[in-house]
Amino acid sequence: MDIDIEKYKANPKTAYLAKAYLELPTEDTESRQMMLDEMERILSSDKLPENDEFPNEVILEVRAGAGGDEAALFAKELADMYDLYAQRQGWGFAAISISQTSIGGYKEAAFEIRGKDVYRQLRFETGVHRIQRVPETEKMGRVHTSTASVAILPVRKKTTIEIKPSDLEIETSRSGGAGGQNVNKVETAVRIIHKPTGIDVRSTAQRSQLKNREMAMSILIAKLEAKKEEEESAKYSENRKSQIGTADRSEKIRTYNILQDRITDHRINKSWHNIEKILEGGIEPILEAMSEAEEIAG
Protein backbone atom coordinates (compact mmCIF):
# COMPACT_ATOMS: atom_id res chain seq x y z
CA MET A 1 0.00 0.00 0.00
CA ASP A 2 1.45 3.37 -1.08
CA ILE A 3 1.25 5.97 1.69
CA ASP A 4 1.94 9.67 1.23
CA ILE A 5 3.70 9.96 4.57
CA GLU A 6 5.10 13.39 3.67
CA LYS A 7 1.72 15.12 4.10
CA TYR A 8 1.54 13.78 7.65
CA LYS A 9 5.14 14.79 8.38
CA ALA A 10 4.41 18.32 7.14
CA ASN A 11 1.52 18.91 9.55
CA PRO A 12 2.61 19.80 13.14
CA LYS A 13 -0.39 17.94 14.54
CA THR A 14 0.59 14.66 12.87
CA ALA A 15 4.38 14.95 12.46
CA TYR A 16 5.11 13.08 15.70
CA LEU A 17 2.67 10.30 14.68
CA ALA A 18 4.30 10.05 11.25
CA LYS A 19 7.67 9.60 12.96
CA ALA A 20 6.23 6.87 15.19
CA TYR A 21 4.58 5.24 12.17
CA LEU A 22 7.91 5.00 10.33
CA GLU A 23 9.48 3.37 13.39
CA LEU A 24 6.83 0.63 13.57
CA PRO A 25 7.78 -2.80 12.21
CA THR A 26 6.29 -3.35 8.75
CA GLU A 27 4.70 -6.60 9.94
CA ASP A 28 2.71 -4.76 12.61
CA THR A 29 -0.04 -3.98 10.14
CA GLU A 30 -2.75 -3.45 12.75
CA SER A 31 -0.87 -0.70 14.61
CA ARG A 32 0.24 0.93 11.37
CA GLN A 33 -3.32 1.01 10.05
CA MET A 34 -4.64 2.40 13.34
CA MET A 35 -2.04 5.16 13.26
CA LEU A 36 -2.81 6.01 9.64
CA ASP A 37 -6.52 6.20 10.39
CA GLU A 38 -5.85 8.54 13.28
CA MET A 39 -3.57 10.81 11.22
CA GLU A 40 -6.16 11.00 8.48
CA ARG A 41 -8.88 11.81 11.02
CA ILE A 42 -6.79 14.68 12.39
CA LEU A 43 -6.16 16.11 8.91
CA SER A 44 -9.83 15.76 7.99
CA SER A 45 -10.97 17.58 11.13
CA ASP A 46 -8.68 20.48 10.21
CA LYS A 47 -10.70 21.00 7.04
CA LEU A 48 -13.98 21.58 8.89
CA PRO A 49 -15.10 25.24 8.82
CA GLU A 50 -14.85 27.13 12.11
CA ASN A 51 -14.29 30.64 13.38
CA ASP A 52 -10.57 30.34 14.11
CA GLU A 53 -10.53 33.43 16.32
CA PHE A 54 -13.14 31.88 18.62
CA PRO A 55 -12.84 28.10 18.26
CA ASN A 56 -15.37 25.68 19.71
CA GLU A 57 -12.80 23.73 21.70
CA VAL A 58 -10.61 24.76 24.62
CA ILE A 59 -8.30 23.19 27.16
CA LEU A 60 -9.12 24.22 30.72
CA GLU A 61 -6.24 23.99 33.19
CA VAL A 62 -6.60 24.57 36.92
CA ARG A 63 -3.70 24.57 39.34
CA ALA A 64 -3.54 25.03 43.11
CA GLY A 65 -1.57 28.10 44.19
CA ALA A 66 -0.85 29.46 47.66
CA GLY A 67 -2.74 27.84 50.50
CA GLY A 68 -1.84 24.14 50.59
CA ASP A 69 -4.79 21.74 50.81
CA GLU A 70 -7.26 24.61 50.89
CA ALA A 71 -5.91 25.90 47.55
CA ALA A 72 -6.23 22.41 46.03
CA LEU A 73 -9.84 22.17 47.22
CA PHE A 74 -10.54 25.58 45.66
CA ALA A 75 -8.95 24.43 42.38
CA LYS A 76 -11.37 21.50 42.33
CA GLU A 77 -14.32 23.79 43.11
CA LEU A 78 -13.37 25.98 40.14
CA ALA A 79 -13.11 22.94 37.84
CA ASP A 80 -16.51 21.74 39.08
CA MET A 81 -17.97 25.22 38.49
CA TYR A 82 -16.88 25.17 34.85
CA ASP A 83 -18.10 21.57 34.48
CA LEU A 84 -21.57 22.53 35.76
CA TYR A 85 -21.64 25.61 33.53
CA ALA A 86 -20.64 23.46 30.54
CA GLN A 87 -23.54 21.11 31.31
CA ARG A 88 -25.94 24.06 31.31
CA GLN A 89 -24.61 25.07 27.89
CA GLY A 90 -24.82 21.56 26.47
CA TRP A 91 -21.05 21.43 25.99
CA GLY A 92 -18.85 18.37 26.31
CA PHE A 93 -16.53 18.35 29.33
CA ALA A 94 -13.92 15.59 29.68
CA ALA A 95 -10.89 15.06 31.92
CA ILE A 96 -7.45 14.92 30.30
CA SER A 97 -5.30 14.52 33.41
CA ILE A 98 -5.87 15.05 37.13
CA SER A 99 -3.38 15.11 39.99
CA GLN A 100 -5.29 14.89 43.28
CA THR A 101 -4.39 15.49 46.90
CA SER A 102 -5.15 12.95 49.61
CA ILE A 103 -8.31 14.85 50.59
CA GLY A 104 -9.66 15.13 47.06
CA GLY A 105 -8.41 18.54 45.95
CA TYR A 106 -6.63 19.18 42.64
CA LYS A 107 -2.92 19.94 42.64
CA GLU A 108 -3.37 20.43 38.91
CA ALA A 109 -5.85 19.20 36.35
CA ALA A 110 -6.65 19.62 32.66
CA PHE A 111 -9.97 19.22 30.86
CA GLU A 112 -11.22 19.41 27.30
CA ILE A 113 -14.37 21.50 26.73
CA ARG A 114 -16.15 21.33 23.37
CA GLY A 115 -19.18 23.31 22.30
CA LYS A 116 -20.54 26.31 20.44
CA ASP A 117 -18.90 29.61 21.49
CA VAL A 118 -16.92 27.92 24.27
CA TYR A 119 -13.81 30.08 23.81
CA ARG A 120 -15.80 33.25 23.17
CA GLN A 121 -17.56 32.79 26.52
CA LEU A 122 -14.67 31.53 28.69
CA ARG A 123 -11.72 33.47 27.31
CA PHE A 124 -11.59 35.98 30.19
CA GLU A 125 -11.34 33.29 32.89
CA THR A 126 -7.57 32.96 32.59
CA GLY A 127 -5.73 34.25 35.64
CA VAL A 128 -5.40 33.86 39.41
CA HIS A 129 -8.63 33.30 41.35
CA ARG A 130 -8.53 34.00 45.09
CA ILE A 131 -10.83 32.68 47.82
CA GLN A 132 -11.23 34.03 51.35
CA ARG A 133 -12.99 31.79 53.87
CA VAL A 134 -12.69 29.91 57.16
CA PRO A 135 -11.54 26.36 56.36
CA GLU A 136 -13.37 23.48 58.04
CA THR A 137 -10.11 22.52 59.79
CA GLU A 138 -9.63 26.03 61.23
CA LYS A 139 -10.32 25.83 64.97
CA MET A 140 -9.82 29.53 65.76
CA GLY A 141 -12.27 30.79 63.13
CA ARG A 142 -9.60 32.67 61.20
CA VAL A 143 -10.15 33.62 57.57
CA HIS A 144 -7.65 32.05 55.18
CA THR A 145 -6.78 33.29 51.70
CA SER A 146 -5.96 30.69 49.06
CA THR A 147 -5.41 30.92 45.33
CA ALA A 148 -5.76 28.79 42.24
CA SER A 149 -4.81 29.63 38.66
CA VAL A 150 -6.98 29.02 35.63
CA ALA A 151 -5.89 28.87 31.99
CA ILE A 152 -8.28 28.73 29.03
CA LEU A 153 -6.31 27.56 25.97
CA PRO A 154 -8.10 27.72 22.60
CA VAL A 155 -7.61 24.69 20.35
CA ARG A 156 -7.55 26.02 16.79
CA LYS A 157 -7.88 23.90 13.69
CA LYS A 158 -5.17 25.84 11.87
CA THR A 159 -1.83 26.60 13.45
CA THR A 160 1.34 28.38 12.38
CA ILE A 161 3.34 26.65 15.10
CA GLU A 162 6.10 24.43 13.73
CA ILE A 163 7.13 21.45 15.82
CA LYS A 164 9.96 19.16 14.82
CA PRO A 165 9.76 15.57 16.11
CA SER A 166 13.37 15.99 17.26
CA ASP A 167 12.20 18.80 19.59
CA LEU A 168 9.98 16.39 21.50
CA GLU A 169 10.76 14.04 24.36
CA ILE A 170 7.88 11.58 24.76
CA GLU A 171 7.44 9.40 27.84
CA THR A 172 4.78 6.76 28.48
CA SER A 173 3.59 5.28 31.76
CA ARG A 174 0.63 3.55 33.32
CA SER A 175 -2.36 5.77 34.01
CA GLY A 176 -2.83 6.30 37.74
CA GLY A 177 -6.07 6.50 39.67
CA ALA A 178 -6.96 8.51 42.78
CA GLY A 179 -4.24 8.24 45.37
CA GLY A 180 -1.65 7.41 42.74
CA GLN A 181 -2.36 3.72 42.22
CA ASN A 182 -1.94 2.35 38.71
CA VAL A 183 -5.28 1.44 37.15
CA ASN A 184 -3.93 0.26 33.80
CA LYS A 185 -1.61 -2.65 33.14
CA VAL A 186 -0.40 -1.07 29.90
CA GLU A 187 1.40 2.22 29.41
CA THR A 188 -1.37 4.46 28.06
CA ALA A 189 -0.45 7.71 29.85
CA VAL A 190 1.67 10.11 27.79
CA ARG A 191 3.95 12.97 28.79
CA ILE A 192 5.47 15.23 26.12
CA ILE A 193 8.27 17.69 26.82
CA HIS A 194 8.97 20.39 24.26
CA LYS A 195 12.72 20.72 24.63
CA PRO A 196 13.19 24.25 23.18
CA THR A 197 10.72 25.81 25.65
CA GLY A 198 10.62 23.26 28.48
CA ILE A 199 6.82 23.09 28.25
CA ASP A 200 5.63 19.84 29.81
CA VAL A 201 2.18 18.38 29.00
CA ARG A 202 0.39 15.20 30.04
CA SER A 203 -2.64 13.22 28.99
CA THR A 204 -3.73 10.23 31.06
CA ALA A 205 -7.52 9.92 30.80
CA GLN A 206 -7.82 8.46 27.28
CA ARG A 207 -8.04 4.69 26.96
CA SER A 208 -5.28 4.31 24.40
CA GLN A 209 -1.75 5.61 24.19
CA LEU A 210 -2.49 6.90 20.68
CA LYS A 211 -5.41 9.02 21.91
CA ASN A 212 -3.34 10.34 24.81
CA ARG A 213 -0.53 11.24 22.41
CA GLU A 214 -2.96 13.14 20.20
CA MET A 215 -4.48 14.99 23.17
CA ALA A 216 -1.05 15.85 24.62
CA MET A 217 0.00 17.26 21.24
CA SER A 218 -3.16 19.37 21.06
CA ILE A 219 -2.37 20.81 24.49
CA LEU A 220 1.25 21.46 23.54
CA ILE A 221 0.28 23.31 20.36
CA ALA A 222 -2.32 25.35 22.29
CA LYS A 223 0.30 26.25 24.91
CA LEU A 224 2.87 27.24 22.30
CA GLU A 225 0.27 29.41 20.55
CA ALA A 226 -0.70 31.05 23.85
CA LYS A 227 2.98 31.71 24.61
CA LYS A 228 3.45 33.28 21.19
CA GLU A 229 0.33 35.46 21.62
CA GLU A 230 1.47 36.60 25.09
CA GLU A 231 4.87 37.59 23.69
CA GLU A 232 3.28 39.52 20.82
CA SER A 233 0.79 41.15 23.20
CA ALA A 234 3.63 42.29 25.44
CA LYS A 235 5.37 43.92 22.46
CA TYR A 236 2.31 45.89 21.46
CA SER A 237 0.63 46.29 24.86
CA GLU A 238 0.17 50.06 24.45
CA ASN A 239 -1.84 49.55 21.30
CA ARG A 240 -3.62 46.40 22.38
CA LYS A 241 -7.31 46.52 21.51
CA SER A 242 -8.68 44.84 24.62
CA GLN A 243 -7.85 46.34 28.00
CA ILE A 244 -9.85 43.78 30.02
CA GLY A 245 -6.89 41.58 30.80
CA THR A 246 -3.62 40.23 29.56
CA ALA A 247 -4.71 36.56 29.47
CA ASP A 248 -1.73 36.01 31.74
CA ARG A 249 -2.07 33.15 34.18
CA SER A 250 -0.23 35.17 36.86
CA GLU A 251 -2.66 38.10 36.77
CA LYS A 252 -4.96 38.23 39.83
CA ILE A 253 -8.42 38.63 38.38
CA ARG A 254 -11.10 37.66 40.91
CA THR A 255 -11.77 37.26 44.64
CA TYR A 256 -14.40 34.95 46.12
CA ASN A 257 -15.20 36.19 49.65
CA ILE A 258 -17.32 33.52 51.30
CA LEU A 259 -18.11 35.36 54.58
CA GLN A 260 -19.39 38.42 52.69
CA ASP A 261 -21.06 36.27 49.99
CA ARG A 262 -19.39 38.40 47.34
CA ILE A 263 -17.38 37.75 44.19
CA THR A 264 -15.39 40.68 42.81
CA ASP A 265 -13.70 40.85 39.42
CA HIS A 266 -10.84 43.30 39.82
CA ARG A 267 -10.42 44.00 36.11
CA ILE A 268 -13.80 45.70 35.81
CA ASN A 269 -14.28 46.48 39.54
CA LYS A 270 -17.67 44.79 39.70
CA SER A 271 -19.14 42.47 42.35
CA TRP A 272 -21.84 39.79 42.51
CA HIS A 273 -23.55 38.00 45.40
CA ASN A 274 -24.90 34.46 45.84
CA ILE A 275 -21.55 32.68 45.64
CA GLU A 276 -23.17 29.29 46.18
CA LYS A 277 -25.22 29.63 43.00
CA ILE A 278 -22.22 30.87 41.01
CA LEU A 279 -20.01 27.98 42.17
CA GLU A 280 -22.80 25.64 41.07
CA GLY A 281 -22.27 26.82 37.50
CA GLY A 282 -24.28 30.05 37.47
CA ILE A 283 -21.46 32.21 36.10
CA GLU A 284 -23.49 33.77 33.25
CA PRO A 285 -23.70 37.26 34.88
CA ILE A 286 -19.91 37.41 35.27
CA LEU A 287 -19.20 36.23 31.73
CA GLU A 288 -21.77 38.67 30.29
CA ALA A 289 -20.26 41.57 32.24
CA MET A 290 -16.78 40.73 30.97
CA SER A 291 -18.02 40.59 27.38
CA GLU A 292 -19.82 43.93 27.74
CA ALA A 293 -16.71 45.53 29.25
CA GLU A 294 -14.63 44.35 26.31
CA GLU A 295 -17.09 45.86 23.85
CA ILE A 296 -16.96 49.20 25.66
CA ALA A 297 -13.14 49.10 25.80
CA GLY A 298 -13.01 47.89 22.16
Foldseek 3Di string as FASTA:
>chain_A
DDDPLVVQCPDLLRVLLSVVLVVDPPVPVVVNVVSVVVSVVLVVVLPDDDDQVQGQKKKKKKAWDPDPPVSQQVSVLQVLLQVLQLVVVVKDKAWFDFDADPVGGTRMTMIMIGDPRPCVLCVPQFAKEKEWAQDPPRPVRHIDITIMGMAIFDQGSDAPDDAHSVQKDKDWAAAADPPGHGPDPDTQKMWIARNVVRDIFIGRPDPHNSVRVSVRSSVVRSVVVLVVQLVVCVVVVVPDQFQQDSSDRHHYFWYCYPVVQWIAGPSVGDIDGDVVVSSSNPCVVVSVVSSVNRVVSD
